[in-house]
Amino acid sequence: MRIRWITVVISVLIVVFGWLGSQTLMRVDQDLRVIYTEYTLAATDLGHLNGELIRYRTSVIRAIETDSKKEFLRIVASLPEKRNRIDKAIERFVAATDDASGDRSLDARELSEVKAVQERIASYMASSHHALRLMEQGWNVASTIEAQRLQNAAKQYLAEDAGSKYMSVTVELDRLLEVVSVIAGDVKKEADATLRFVTVALICASLTLSAIVLTLG
């Protein structure tokens, strides 16, 4: 009877260890999915954001360099939609990293860098808007010389002030991408460590139970 009870206990332990092992392996699988799916999508969203910024900047340059008021107004009218796409790209990135965080809160490093990117973008947009206002003033003056002066001023401001602010945006985007890469690496390390622990634990449990069975036999 004693041996029968021990056999039942060993059987229960085998089931429990198997269940715990499967649950842990499922968690490891989820972490790996996070790395290769959610963080990949987040990095892709950063690429889209950079592309939208390039399109916005190109449109502003075209607006400043055009000699047609009609073309200028057409390009300027399209800028709010381009700005909206930039904001949506940031929102998609935040949503993707939220999904990747799972039951954890969004990493403080990501939050800090996202805020920095948003601040740099706002600063660049304000600078570009100022250059566009200078150009707009040129269309409303009667003097051709004054109009040319204002256009030249707009070009210079766009090249110097807005240009430097645009570069600061790209620098912050690179830093944000580096943070995403580091966090994804941390998640992978945690998954690998958990996998090693579970493997060793299951091996030890199997050897222990086998030893008990052999001893009783």
N, C-alpha and C. Protein backbone atom coordinates (compact mmCIF):
# COMPACT_ATOMS: atom_id res chain seq x y z
N MET A 1 0.83 -1.21 0.00
CA MET A 1 0.00 0.00 0.00
C MET A 1 0.87 1.26 0.00
N ARG A 2 2.00 1.20 0.80
CA ARG A 2 2.88 2.36 0.87
C ARG A 2 3.48 2.65 -0.50
N ILE A 3 3.89 1.55 -1.16
CA ILE A 3 4.49 1.73 -2.48
C ILE A 3 3.47 2.30 -3.46
N ARG A 4 2.22 1.86 -3.35
CA ARG A 4 1.18 2.35 -4.24
C ARG A 4 0.97 3.85 -4.07
N TRP A 5 0.95 4.31 -2.82
CA TRP A 5 0.79 5.74 -2.57
C TRP A 5 1.97 6.54 -3.12
N ILE A 6 3.17 6.00 -2.97
CA ILE A 6 4.35 6.68 -3.51
C ILE A 6 4.27 6.75 -5.03
N THR A 7 3.77 5.69 -5.62
CA THR A 7 3.60 5.68 -7.08
C THR A 7 2.62 6.76 -7.52
N VAL A 8 1.52 6.91 -6.75
CA VAL A 8 0.54 7.95 -7.06
C VAL A 8 1.16 9.33 -6.94
N VAL A 9 1.94 9.54 -5.86
CA VAL A 9 2.59 10.84 -5.64
C VAL A 9 3.56 11.15 -6.78
N ILE A 10 4.34 10.15 -7.19
CA ILE A 10 5.30 10.35 -8.27
C ILE A 10 4.56 10.70 -9.57
N SER A 11 3.45 10.01 -9.81
CA SER A 11 2.66 10.30 -11.02
C SER A 11 2.13 11.72 -11.00
N VAL A 12 1.65 12.15 -9.82
CA VAL A 12 1.15 13.52 -9.69
C VAL A 12 2.28 14.52 -9.91
N LEU A 13 3.45 14.24 -9.35
CA LEU A 13 4.59 15.15 -9.54
C LEU A 13 4.99 15.24 -11.00
N ILE A 14 4.95 14.12 -11.70
CA ILE A 14 5.29 14.14 -13.12
C ILE A 14 4.32 15.04 -13.88
N VAL A 15 3.02 14.91 -13.56
CA VAL A 15 2.01 15.74 -14.22
C VAL A 15 2.23 17.22 -13.90
N VAL A 16 2.50 17.51 -12.61
CA VAL A 16 2.70 18.90 -12.19
C VAL A 16 3.92 19.50 -12.87
N PHE A 17 5.04 18.76 -12.87
CA PHE A 17 6.25 19.26 -13.52
C PHE A 17 6.03 19.46 -15.01
N GLY A 18 5.31 18.52 -15.61
CA GLY A 18 5.02 18.66 -17.04
C GLY A 18 4.18 19.89 -17.33
N TRP A 19 3.17 20.14 -16.48
CA TRP A 19 2.30 21.30 -16.67
C TRP A 19 3.07 22.60 -16.47
N LEU A 20 3.87 22.66 -15.40
CA LEU A 20 4.67 23.87 -15.14
C LEU A 20 5.66 24.12 -16.27
N GLY A 21 6.26 23.04 -16.75
CA GLY A 21 7.21 23.19 -17.85
C GLY A 21 6.55 23.70 -19.11
N SER A 22 5.36 23.16 -19.41
CA SER A 22 4.66 23.61 -20.62
C SER A 22 4.24 25.06 -20.51
N GLN A 23 3.78 25.47 -19.31
CA GLN A 23 3.38 26.86 -19.13
C GLN A 23 4.57 27.81 -19.29
N THR A 24 5.70 27.40 -18.74
CA THR A 24 6.89 28.25 -18.85
C THR A 24 7.37 28.33 -20.28
N LEU A 25 7.34 27.21 -20.97
CA LEU A 25 7.76 27.20 -22.37
C LEU A 25 6.82 28.05 -23.23
N MET A 26 5.54 28.05 -22.90
CA MET A 26 4.60 28.90 -23.62
C MET A 26 4.93 30.37 -23.39
N ARG A 27 5.34 30.69 -22.16
CA ARG A 27 5.71 32.07 -21.87
C ARG A 27 6.97 32.46 -22.64
N VAL A 28 7.94 31.53 -22.69
CA VAL A 28 9.15 31.80 -23.45
C VAL A 28 8.83 32.01 -24.92
N ASP A 29 7.93 31.17 -25.45
CA ASP A 29 7.52 31.30 -26.84
C ASP A 29 6.86 32.65 -27.09
N GLN A 30 6.06 33.12 -26.13
CA GLN A 30 5.41 34.42 -26.27
C GLN A 30 6.44 35.54 -26.26
N ASP A 31 7.44 35.42 -25.38
CA ASP A 31 8.49 36.44 -25.34
C ASP A 31 9.26 36.50 -26.65
N LEU A 32 9.56 35.34 -27.21
CA LEU A 32 10.27 35.31 -28.49
C LEU A 32 9.40 35.89 -29.60
N ARG A 33 8.08 35.63 -29.53
CA ARG A 33 7.17 36.22 -30.51
C ARG A 33 7.16 37.73 -30.40
N VAL A 34 7.25 38.22 -29.16
CA VAL A 34 7.32 39.66 -28.93
C VAL A 34 8.53 40.25 -29.63
N ILE A 35 9.66 39.56 -29.50
CA ILE A 35 10.90 40.07 -30.09
C ILE A 35 10.79 40.15 -31.61
N TYR A 36 10.34 39.08 -32.22
CA TYR A 36 10.37 38.98 -33.67
C TYR A 36 9.12 39.55 -34.35
N THR A 37 8.10 39.88 -33.58
CA THR A 37 6.88 40.43 -34.18
C THR A 37 6.64 41.86 -33.75
N GLU A 38 6.28 42.06 -32.47
CA GLU A 38 5.91 43.41 -32.03
C GLU A 38 7.07 44.40 -32.17
N TYR A 39 8.28 44.02 -31.72
CA TYR A 39 9.38 44.96 -31.81
C TYR A 39 9.83 45.17 -33.26
N THR A 40 9.66 44.14 -34.08
CA THR A 40 9.93 44.32 -35.50
C THR A 40 8.97 45.32 -36.11
N LEU A 41 7.68 45.20 -35.74
CA LEU A 41 6.67 46.14 -36.23
C LEU A 41 6.95 47.55 -35.72
N ALA A 42 7.40 47.64 -34.46
CA ALA A 42 7.72 48.95 -33.90
C ALA A 42 8.84 49.62 -34.68
N ALA A 43 9.88 48.83 -34.99
CA ALA A 43 11.00 49.38 -35.77
C ALA A 43 10.53 49.77 -37.17
N THR A 44 9.62 48.98 -37.74
CA THR A 44 9.06 49.31 -39.06
C THR A 44 8.29 50.63 -39.01
N ASP A 45 7.55 50.84 -37.91
CA ASP A 45 6.81 52.10 -37.75
C ASP A 45 7.76 53.29 -37.68
N LEU A 46 8.91 53.10 -37.07
CA LEU A 46 9.90 54.18 -37.03
C LEU A 46 10.41 54.49 -38.44
N GLY A 47 10.55 53.44 -39.24
CA GLY A 47 10.95 53.65 -40.63
C GLY A 47 9.89 54.43 -41.39
N HIS A 48 8.61 54.09 -41.14
CA HIS A 48 7.51 54.83 -41.78
C HIS A 48 7.51 56.29 -41.32
N LEU A 49 7.77 56.50 -40.04
CA LEU A 49 7.81 57.86 -39.50
C LEU A 49 8.89 58.67 -40.19
N ASN A 50 10.05 58.06 -40.36
CA ASN A 50 11.15 58.75 -41.03
C ASN A 50 10.77 59.08 -42.48
N GLY A 51 10.08 58.14 -43.14
CA GLY A 51 9.65 58.39 -44.51
C GLY A 51 8.65 59.53 -44.60
N GLU A 52 7.71 59.57 -43.65
CA GLU A 52 6.72 60.67 -43.65
C GLU A 52 7.40 62.01 -43.40
N LEU A 53 8.40 62.03 -42.54
CA LEU A 53 9.14 63.27 -42.29
C LEU A 53 9.87 63.74 -43.54
N ILE A 54 10.45 62.80 -44.26
CA ILE A 54 11.16 63.15 -45.50
C ILE A 54 10.18 63.74 -46.51
N ARG A 55 9.00 63.13 -46.62
CA ARG A 55 7.99 63.65 -47.56
C ARG A 55 7.53 65.05 -47.15
N TYR A 56 7.36 65.26 -45.84
CA TYR A 56 6.94 66.58 -45.35
C TYR A 56 8.02 67.61 -45.68
N ARG A 57 9.25 67.28 -45.40
CA ARG A 57 10.36 68.22 -45.65
C ARG A 57 10.49 68.53 -47.14
N THR A 58 10.35 67.50 -47.97
CA THR A 58 10.43 67.71 -49.42
C THR A 58 9.33 68.65 -49.90
N SER A 59 8.13 68.49 -49.35
CA SER A 59 7.01 69.37 -49.73
C SER A 59 7.28 70.81 -49.32
N VAL A 60 7.83 71.00 -48.13
CA VAL A 60 8.14 72.36 -47.67
C VAL A 60 9.18 73.00 -48.58
N ILE A 61 10.21 72.24 -48.94
CA ILE A 61 11.25 72.77 -49.83
C ILE A 61 10.66 73.15 -51.18
N ARG A 62 9.79 72.30 -51.71
CA ARG A 62 9.14 72.60 -52.99
C ARG A 62 8.30 73.87 -52.89
N ALA A 63 7.61 74.04 -51.77
CA ALA A 63 6.77 75.22 -51.59
C ALA A 63 7.61 76.49 -51.54
N ILE A 64 8.77 76.41 -50.89
CA ILE A 64 9.63 77.58 -50.77
C ILE A 64 10.28 77.94 -52.11
N GLU A 65 10.58 76.93 -52.91
CA GLU A 65 11.31 77.17 -54.16
C GLU A 65 10.43 77.46 -55.36
N THR A 66 9.12 77.23 -55.22
CA THR A 66 8.25 77.44 -56.38
C THR A 66 8.10 78.92 -56.72
N ASP A 67 7.90 79.18 -57.99
CA ASP A 67 7.66 80.55 -58.46
C ASP A 67 6.19 80.78 -58.78
N SER A 68 5.35 79.82 -58.41
CA SER A 68 3.91 79.92 -58.68
C SER A 68 3.15 79.98 -57.36
N LYS A 69 2.38 81.05 -57.20
CA LYS A 69 1.59 81.17 -55.98
C LYS A 69 0.55 80.05 -55.88
N LYS A 70 -0.03 79.66 -57.00
CA LYS A 70 -1.02 78.59 -57.01
C LYS A 70 -0.40 77.28 -56.53
N GLU A 71 0.80 76.99 -57.04
CA GLU A 71 1.49 75.77 -56.62
C GLU A 71 1.87 75.84 -55.15
N PHE A 72 2.28 77.01 -54.70
CA PHE A 72 2.63 77.20 -53.29
C PHE A 72 1.44 76.89 -52.40
N LEU A 73 0.29 77.46 -52.75
CA LEU A 73 -0.91 77.24 -51.94
C LEU A 73 -1.35 75.78 -51.97
N ARG A 74 -1.18 75.14 -53.11
CA ARG A 74 -1.56 73.73 -53.22
C ARG A 74 -0.69 72.85 -52.31
N ILE A 75 0.60 73.12 -52.32
CA ILE A 75 1.52 72.32 -51.51
C ILE A 75 1.26 72.56 -50.02
N VAL A 76 1.08 73.85 -49.66
CA VAL A 76 0.83 74.18 -48.25
C VAL A 76 -0.46 73.52 -47.76
N ALA A 77 -1.46 73.45 -48.63
CA ALA A 77 -2.74 72.84 -48.24
C ALA A 77 -2.59 71.34 -47.96
N SER A 78 -1.57 70.73 -48.54
CA SER A 78 -1.37 69.29 -48.34
C SER A 78 -0.57 68.96 -47.07
N LEU A 79 0.04 69.96 -46.47
CA LEU A 79 0.91 69.73 -45.31
C LEU A 79 0.18 69.22 -44.07
N PRO A 80 -1.03 69.71 -43.74
CA PRO A 80 -1.72 69.18 -42.56
C PRO A 80 -1.94 67.66 -42.61
N GLU A 81 -2.26 67.15 -43.79
CA GLU A 81 -2.47 65.71 -43.94
C GLU A 81 -1.16 64.96 -43.74
N LYS A 82 -0.06 65.53 -44.25
CA LYS A 82 1.25 64.90 -44.05
C LYS A 82 1.63 64.93 -42.57
N ARG A 83 1.32 66.02 -41.89
CA ARG A 83 1.59 66.11 -40.46
C ARG A 83 0.74 65.07 -39.70
N ASN A 84 -0.49 64.89 -40.15
CA ASN A 84 -1.36 63.90 -39.52
C ASN A 84 -0.79 62.49 -39.67
N ARG A 85 -0.21 62.19 -40.82
CA ARG A 85 0.39 60.87 -41.03
C ARG A 85 1.61 60.68 -40.13
N ILE A 86 2.34 61.76 -39.87
CA ILE A 86 3.48 61.68 -38.95
C ILE A 86 3.00 61.35 -37.55
N ASP A 87 1.96 62.03 -37.10
CA ASP A 87 1.40 61.77 -35.76
C ASP A 87 0.89 60.34 -35.65
N LYS A 88 0.24 59.84 -36.71
CA LYS A 88 -0.29 58.48 -36.68
C LYS A 88 0.83 57.46 -36.64
N ALA A 89 1.94 57.75 -37.31
CA ALA A 89 3.09 56.84 -37.28
C ALA A 89 3.64 56.73 -35.86
N ILE A 90 3.67 57.85 -35.13
CA ILE A 90 4.13 57.83 -33.74
C ILE A 90 3.15 57.03 -32.89
N GLU A 91 1.85 57.24 -33.13
CA GLU A 91 0.84 56.51 -32.37
C GLU A 91 0.95 55.00 -32.60
N ARG A 92 1.21 54.60 -33.85
CA ARG A 92 1.36 53.17 -34.15
C ARG A 92 2.58 52.59 -33.43
N PHE A 93 3.66 53.37 -33.38
CA PHE A 93 4.85 52.90 -32.68
C PHE A 93 4.56 52.69 -31.20
N VAL A 94 3.90 53.68 -30.58
CA VAL A 94 3.58 53.56 -29.15
C VAL A 94 2.67 52.36 -28.91
N ALA A 95 1.68 52.15 -29.80
CA ALA A 95 0.78 51.01 -29.66
C ALA A 95 1.52 49.70 -29.80
N ALA A 96 2.46 49.63 -30.74
CA ALA A 96 3.22 48.40 -30.96
C ALA A 96 4.11 48.08 -29.77
N THR A 97 4.75 49.10 -29.20
CA THR A 97 5.62 48.86 -28.05
C THR A 97 4.80 48.56 -26.80
N ASP A 98 3.58 49.10 -26.72
CA ASP A 98 2.68 48.73 -25.62
C ASP A 98 2.32 47.25 -25.69
N ASP A 99 2.02 46.77 -26.90
CA ASP A 99 1.72 45.36 -27.10
C ASP A 99 2.93 44.50 -26.76
N ALA A 100 4.10 44.98 -27.13
CA ALA A 100 5.32 44.22 -26.88
C ALA A 100 5.63 44.15 -25.39
N SER A 101 5.19 45.15 -24.64
CA SER A 101 5.48 45.16 -23.20
C SER A 101 4.63 44.15 -22.45
N GLY A 102 3.53 43.70 -23.06
CA GLY A 102 2.68 42.70 -22.42
C GLY A 102 2.09 43.23 -21.13
N ASP A 103 2.35 42.48 -20.02
CA ASP A 103 1.79 42.90 -18.74
C ASP A 103 2.65 43.93 -18.04
N ARG A 104 3.72 44.37 -18.70
CA ARG A 104 4.57 45.40 -18.13
C ARG A 104 4.18 46.76 -18.69
N SER A 105 4.55 47.81 -17.97
CA SER A 105 4.28 49.15 -18.49
C SER A 105 5.33 49.49 -19.54
N LEU A 106 5.00 50.47 -20.38
CA LEU A 106 5.92 50.89 -21.43
C LEU A 106 7.24 51.32 -20.79
N ASP A 107 8.35 50.83 -21.35
CA ASP A 107 9.66 51.09 -20.78
C ASP A 107 9.92 52.60 -20.67
N ALA A 108 10.51 53.00 -19.52
CA ALA A 108 10.76 54.42 -19.28
C ALA A 108 11.72 55.00 -20.31
N ARG A 109 12.65 54.17 -20.79
CA ARG A 109 13.58 54.64 -21.82
C ARG A 109 12.84 54.97 -23.11
N GLU A 110 11.89 54.13 -23.46
CA GLU A 110 11.09 54.40 -24.66
C GLU A 110 10.26 55.65 -24.50
N LEU A 111 9.62 55.78 -23.34
CA LEU A 111 8.79 56.96 -23.10
C LEU A 111 9.61 58.24 -23.21
N SER A 112 10.81 58.21 -22.65
CA SER A 112 11.68 59.39 -22.68
C SER A 112 12.08 59.74 -24.12
N GLU A 113 12.47 58.71 -24.89
CA GLU A 113 12.90 58.96 -26.26
C GLU A 113 11.74 59.36 -27.16
N VAL A 114 10.56 58.75 -26.95
CA VAL A 114 9.39 59.14 -27.74
C VAL A 114 9.05 60.60 -27.49
N LYS A 115 9.10 61.01 -26.22
CA LYS A 115 8.83 62.41 -25.88
C LYS A 115 9.85 63.33 -26.54
N ALA A 116 11.12 62.91 -26.54
CA ALA A 116 12.17 63.72 -27.16
C ALA A 116 11.94 63.84 -28.67
N VAL A 117 11.54 62.74 -29.31
CA VAL A 117 11.25 62.77 -30.74
C VAL A 117 10.09 63.72 -31.03
N GLN A 118 9.04 63.64 -30.23
CA GLN A 118 7.88 64.51 -30.43
C GLN A 118 8.24 65.97 -30.26
N GLU A 119 9.09 66.27 -29.28
CA GLU A 119 9.52 67.65 -29.06
C GLU A 119 10.36 68.16 -30.24
N ARG A 120 11.25 67.31 -30.74
CA ARG A 120 12.09 67.71 -31.88
C ARG A 120 11.23 67.91 -33.13
N ILE A 121 10.24 67.05 -33.32
CA ILE A 121 9.36 67.20 -34.48
C ILE A 121 8.57 68.51 -34.38
N ALA A 122 8.04 68.80 -33.19
CA ALA A 122 7.29 70.04 -33.00
C ALA A 122 8.16 71.26 -33.27
N SER A 123 9.41 71.20 -32.82
CA SER A 123 10.33 72.30 -33.05
C SER A 123 10.63 72.47 -34.55
N TYR A 124 10.81 71.33 -35.23
CA TYR A 124 11.07 71.39 -36.68
C TYR A 124 9.85 71.93 -37.43
N MET A 125 8.67 71.48 -37.04
CA MET A 125 7.45 71.95 -37.70
C MET A 125 7.27 73.46 -37.53
N ALA A 126 7.55 73.95 -36.33
CA ALA A 126 7.42 75.39 -36.08
C ALA A 126 8.40 76.18 -36.93
N SER A 127 9.62 75.66 -37.07
CA SER A 127 10.62 76.34 -37.89
C SER A 127 10.22 76.34 -39.36
N SER A 128 9.72 75.20 -39.84
CA SER A 128 9.26 75.13 -41.24
C SER A 128 8.09 76.07 -41.48
N HIS A 129 7.20 76.15 -40.48
CA HIS A 129 6.04 77.03 -40.61
C HIS A 129 6.48 78.49 -40.71
N HIS A 130 7.52 78.85 -39.97
CA HIS A 130 8.02 80.23 -40.04
C HIS A 130 8.57 80.53 -41.43
N ALA A 131 9.30 79.57 -42.01
CA ALA A 131 9.83 79.76 -43.36
C ALA A 131 8.69 79.91 -44.36
N LEU A 132 7.64 79.13 -44.18
CA LEU A 132 6.49 79.24 -45.09
C LEU A 132 5.78 80.59 -44.94
N ARG A 133 5.74 81.12 -43.74
CA ARG A 133 5.12 82.43 -43.52
C ARG A 133 5.91 83.52 -44.24
N LEU A 134 7.23 83.41 -44.21
CA LEU A 134 8.05 84.37 -44.94
C LEU A 134 7.75 84.32 -46.43
N MET A 135 7.62 83.10 -46.94
CA MET A 135 7.31 82.92 -48.36
C MET A 135 5.93 83.47 -48.68
N GLU A 136 4.99 83.23 -47.76
CA GLU A 136 3.62 83.72 -47.97
C GLU A 136 3.58 85.24 -48.01
N GLN A 137 4.40 85.87 -47.17
CA GLN A 137 4.47 87.33 -47.19
C GLN A 137 4.97 87.84 -48.53
N GLY A 138 5.87 87.07 -49.14
CA GLY A 138 6.41 87.47 -50.44
C GLY A 138 5.36 87.51 -51.54
N TRP A 139 4.34 86.63 -51.40
CA TRP A 139 3.27 86.64 -52.41
C TRP A 139 2.32 87.82 -52.22
N ASN A 140 2.38 88.46 -51.08
CA ASN A 140 1.42 89.53 -50.77
C ASN A 140 2.03 90.93 -50.87
N VAL A 141 3.27 91.02 -51.32
CA VAL A 141 3.89 92.34 -51.49
C VAL A 141 3.88 92.72 -52.97
N ALA A 142 3.84 93.99 -53.23
CA ALA A 142 3.78 94.46 -54.62
C ALA A 142 5.15 94.50 -55.26
N SER A 143 6.17 94.75 -54.45
CA SER A 143 7.53 94.89 -54.97
C SER A 143 8.12 93.52 -55.30
N THR A 144 8.62 93.39 -56.52
CA THR A 144 9.27 92.14 -56.93
C THR A 144 10.56 91.93 -56.15
N ILE A 145 11.26 93.05 -55.92
CA ILE A 145 12.52 92.94 -55.17
C ILE A 145 12.26 92.46 -53.75
N GLU A 146 11.23 93.02 -53.11
CA GLU A 146 10.90 92.63 -51.74
C GLU A 146 10.44 91.17 -51.69
N ALA A 147 9.68 90.77 -52.72
CA ALA A 147 9.22 89.39 -52.79
C ALA A 147 10.40 88.43 -52.91
N GLN A 148 11.38 88.81 -53.73
CA GLN A 148 12.58 87.98 -53.89
C GLN A 148 13.38 87.92 -52.60
N ARG A 149 13.43 89.06 -51.89
CA ARG A 149 14.17 89.10 -50.63
C ARG A 149 13.53 88.17 -49.61
N LEU A 150 12.21 88.20 -49.56
CA LEU A 150 11.51 87.34 -48.61
C LEU A 150 11.67 85.86 -48.97
N GLN A 151 11.65 85.56 -50.26
CA GLN A 151 11.86 84.17 -50.67
C GLN A 151 13.27 83.69 -50.31
N ASN A 152 14.26 84.57 -50.54
CA ASN A 152 15.63 84.22 -50.18
C ASN A 152 15.77 84.03 -48.66
N ALA A 153 15.08 84.88 -47.91
CA ALA A 153 15.11 84.75 -46.45
C ALA A 153 14.47 83.43 -46.01
N ALA A 154 13.38 83.08 -46.69
CA ALA A 154 12.70 81.81 -46.37
C ALA A 154 13.61 80.63 -46.68
N LYS A 155 14.30 80.68 -47.82
CA LYS A 155 15.21 79.59 -48.18
C LYS A 155 16.35 79.47 -47.18
N GLN A 156 16.90 80.61 -46.79
CA GLN A 156 18.01 80.60 -45.84
C GLN A 156 17.56 80.07 -44.48
N TYR A 157 16.41 80.52 -44.03
CA TYR A 157 15.88 80.07 -42.74
C TYR A 157 15.60 78.57 -42.78
N LEU A 158 15.04 78.10 -43.91
CA LEU A 158 14.73 76.69 -44.05
C LEU A 158 16.01 75.85 -44.06
N ALA A 159 17.03 76.36 -44.72
CA ALA A 159 18.29 75.61 -44.81
C ALA A 159 19.04 75.58 -43.47
N GLU A 160 19.02 76.70 -42.77
CA GLU A 160 19.83 76.79 -41.55
C GLU A 160 19.05 76.35 -40.31
N ASP A 161 18.02 77.09 -39.96
CA ASP A 161 17.30 76.79 -38.72
C ASP A 161 16.49 75.49 -38.83
N ALA A 162 15.62 75.43 -39.84
CA ALA A 162 14.80 74.23 -40.00
C ALA A 162 15.66 73.02 -40.34
N GLY A 163 16.72 73.26 -41.09
CA GLY A 163 17.62 72.15 -41.45
C GLY A 163 18.27 71.52 -40.23
N SER A 164 18.76 72.37 -39.32
CA SER A 164 19.40 71.85 -38.11
C SER A 164 18.39 71.14 -37.21
N LYS A 165 17.18 71.67 -37.17
CA LYS A 165 16.14 71.02 -36.35
C LYS A 165 15.72 69.68 -36.96
N TYR A 166 15.71 69.60 -38.29
CA TYR A 166 15.38 68.33 -38.93
C TYR A 166 16.46 67.29 -38.61
N MET A 167 17.70 67.70 -38.61
CA MET A 167 18.79 66.77 -38.27
C MET A 167 18.65 66.28 -36.83
N SER A 168 18.20 67.16 -35.94
CA SER A 168 18.03 66.74 -34.54
C SER A 168 16.91 65.71 -34.43
N VAL A 169 15.89 65.82 -35.30
CA VAL A 169 14.82 64.81 -35.31
C VAL A 169 15.38 63.46 -35.71
N THR A 170 16.19 63.43 -36.77
CA THR A 170 16.74 62.16 -37.24
C THR A 170 17.67 61.55 -36.19
N VAL A 171 18.41 62.39 -35.47
CA VAL A 171 19.28 61.89 -34.41
C VAL A 171 18.46 61.22 -33.31
N GLU A 172 17.36 61.86 -32.91
CA GLU A 172 16.50 61.30 -31.86
C GLU A 172 15.83 60.01 -32.34
N LEU A 173 15.47 59.95 -33.62
CA LEU A 173 14.89 58.72 -34.15
C LEU A 173 15.89 57.58 -34.10
N ASP A 174 17.15 57.88 -34.41
CA ASP A 174 18.20 56.85 -34.31
C ASP A 174 18.36 56.37 -32.87
N ARG A 175 18.31 57.32 -31.92
CA ARG A 175 18.43 56.94 -30.52
C ARG A 175 17.25 56.08 -30.07
N LEU A 176 16.05 56.44 -30.55
CA LEU A 176 14.87 55.65 -30.20
C LEU A 176 14.98 54.24 -30.76
N LEU A 177 15.48 54.12 -31.98
CA LEU A 177 15.66 52.80 -32.58
C LEU A 177 16.69 51.98 -31.80
N GLU A 178 17.74 52.64 -31.31
CA GLU A 178 18.73 51.96 -30.48
C GLU A 178 18.09 51.46 -29.18
N VAL A 179 17.23 52.28 -28.59
CA VAL A 179 16.55 51.87 -27.35
C VAL A 179 15.66 50.66 -27.61
N VAL A 180 14.93 50.68 -28.72
CA VAL A 180 14.08 49.53 -29.07
C VAL A 180 14.92 48.28 -29.22
N SER A 181 16.08 48.42 -29.87
CA SER A 181 16.97 47.27 -30.06
C SER A 181 17.47 46.73 -28.73
N VAL A 182 17.84 47.64 -27.82
CA VAL A 182 18.34 47.22 -26.51
C VAL A 182 17.26 46.49 -25.72
N ILE A 183 16.05 47.04 -25.74
CA ILE A 183 14.94 46.43 -25.00
C ILE A 183 14.60 45.06 -25.57
N ALA A 184 14.59 44.95 -26.90
CA ALA A 184 14.34 43.65 -27.52
C ALA A 184 15.41 42.65 -27.12
N GLY A 185 16.67 43.13 -27.02
CA GLY A 185 17.75 42.25 -26.56
C GLY A 185 17.54 41.81 -25.13
N ASP A 186 17.06 42.72 -24.28
CA ASP A 186 16.79 42.36 -22.88
C ASP A 186 15.70 41.29 -22.78
N VAL A 187 14.65 41.45 -23.60
CA VAL A 187 13.58 40.46 -23.60
C VAL A 187 14.11 39.10 -24.04
N LYS A 188 14.98 39.09 -25.04
CA LYS A 188 15.56 37.83 -25.51
C LYS A 188 16.42 37.18 -24.43
N LYS A 189 17.20 37.99 -23.72
CA LYS A 189 18.03 37.45 -22.65
C LYS A 189 17.16 36.83 -21.56
N GLU A 190 16.07 37.50 -21.20
CA GLU A 190 15.16 36.96 -20.20
C GLU A 190 14.56 35.64 -20.65
N ALA A 191 14.18 35.59 -21.93
CA ALA A 191 13.59 34.36 -22.47
C ALA A 191 14.61 33.23 -22.47
N ASP A 192 15.84 33.53 -22.87
CA ASP A 192 16.88 32.51 -22.89
C ASP A 192 17.19 32.01 -21.48
N ALA A 193 17.26 32.94 -20.52
CA ALA A 193 17.54 32.54 -19.14
C ALA A 193 16.43 31.67 -18.58
N THR A 194 15.19 32.03 -18.87
CA THR A 194 14.05 31.23 -18.41
C THR A 194 14.07 29.85 -19.03
N LEU A 195 14.39 29.79 -20.32
CA LEU A 195 14.44 28.51 -21.03
C LEU A 195 15.52 27.60 -20.43
N ARG A 196 16.69 28.16 -20.14
CA ARG A 196 17.76 27.37 -19.53
C ARG A 196 17.35 26.86 -18.15
N PHE A 197 16.72 27.74 -17.36
CA PHE A 197 16.30 27.35 -16.01
C PHE A 197 15.28 26.21 -16.06
N VAL A 198 14.29 26.36 -16.94
CA VAL A 198 13.25 25.34 -17.05
C VAL A 198 13.84 24.02 -17.52
N THR A 199 14.75 24.07 -18.47
CA THR A 199 15.37 22.85 -18.99
C THR A 199 16.13 22.12 -17.90
N VAL A 200 16.94 22.87 -17.14
CA VAL A 200 17.71 22.27 -16.04
C VAL A 200 16.77 21.71 -14.97
N ALA A 201 15.71 22.48 -14.65
CA ALA A 201 14.77 22.04 -13.61
C ALA A 201 14.07 20.76 -14.02
N LEU A 202 13.64 20.67 -15.28
CA LEU A 202 12.96 19.46 -15.75
C LEU A 202 13.90 18.26 -15.77
N ILE A 203 15.15 18.50 -16.15
CA ILE A 203 16.13 17.40 -16.15
C ILE A 203 16.36 16.90 -14.72
N CYS A 204 16.55 17.84 -13.79
CA CYS A 204 16.76 17.47 -12.39
C CYS A 204 15.56 16.73 -11.82
N ALA A 205 14.37 17.22 -12.15
CA ALA A 205 13.16 16.57 -11.65
C ALA A 205 13.02 15.17 -12.23
N SER A 206 13.32 15.03 -13.51
CA SER A 206 13.23 13.71 -14.15
C SER A 206 14.22 12.74 -13.54
N LEU A 207 15.46 13.19 -13.31
CA LEU A 207 16.48 12.33 -12.71
C LEU A 207 16.10 11.93 -11.28
N THR A 208 15.56 12.90 -10.55
CA THR A 208 15.15 12.61 -9.16
C THR A 208 14.03 11.59 -9.11
N LEU A 209 13.02 11.78 -9.94
CA LEU A 209 11.90 10.84 -9.97
C LEU A 209 12.34 9.45 -10.45
N SER A 210 13.26 9.45 -11.42
CA SER A 210 13.78 8.17 -11.91
C SER A 210 14.54 7.45 -10.82
N ALA A 211 15.33 8.20 -10.04
CA ALA A 211 16.09 7.60 -8.95
C ALA A 211 15.16 7.02 -7.89
N ILE A 212 14.07 7.74 -7.62
CA ILE A 212 13.10 7.24 -6.62
C ILE A 212 12.44 5.96 -7.10
N VAL A 213 12.05 5.94 -8.37
CA VAL A 213 11.42 4.76 -8.94
C VAL A 213 12.37 3.56 -8.89
N LEU A 214 13.65 3.78 -9.26
CA LEU A 214 14.63 2.70 -9.24
C LEU A 214 14.87 2.21 -7.81
N THR A 215 14.89 3.14 -6.85
CA THR A 215 15.10 2.75 -5.46
C THR A 215 13.96 1.90 -4.95
N LEU A 216 12.75 2.30 -5.28
CA LEU A 216 11.58 1.52 -4.85
C LEU A 216 11.50 0.17 -5.57
N GLY A 217 11.97 0.19 -6.83
CA GLY A 217 11.92 -1.07 -7.57
C GLY A 217 12.91 -2.07 -7.03
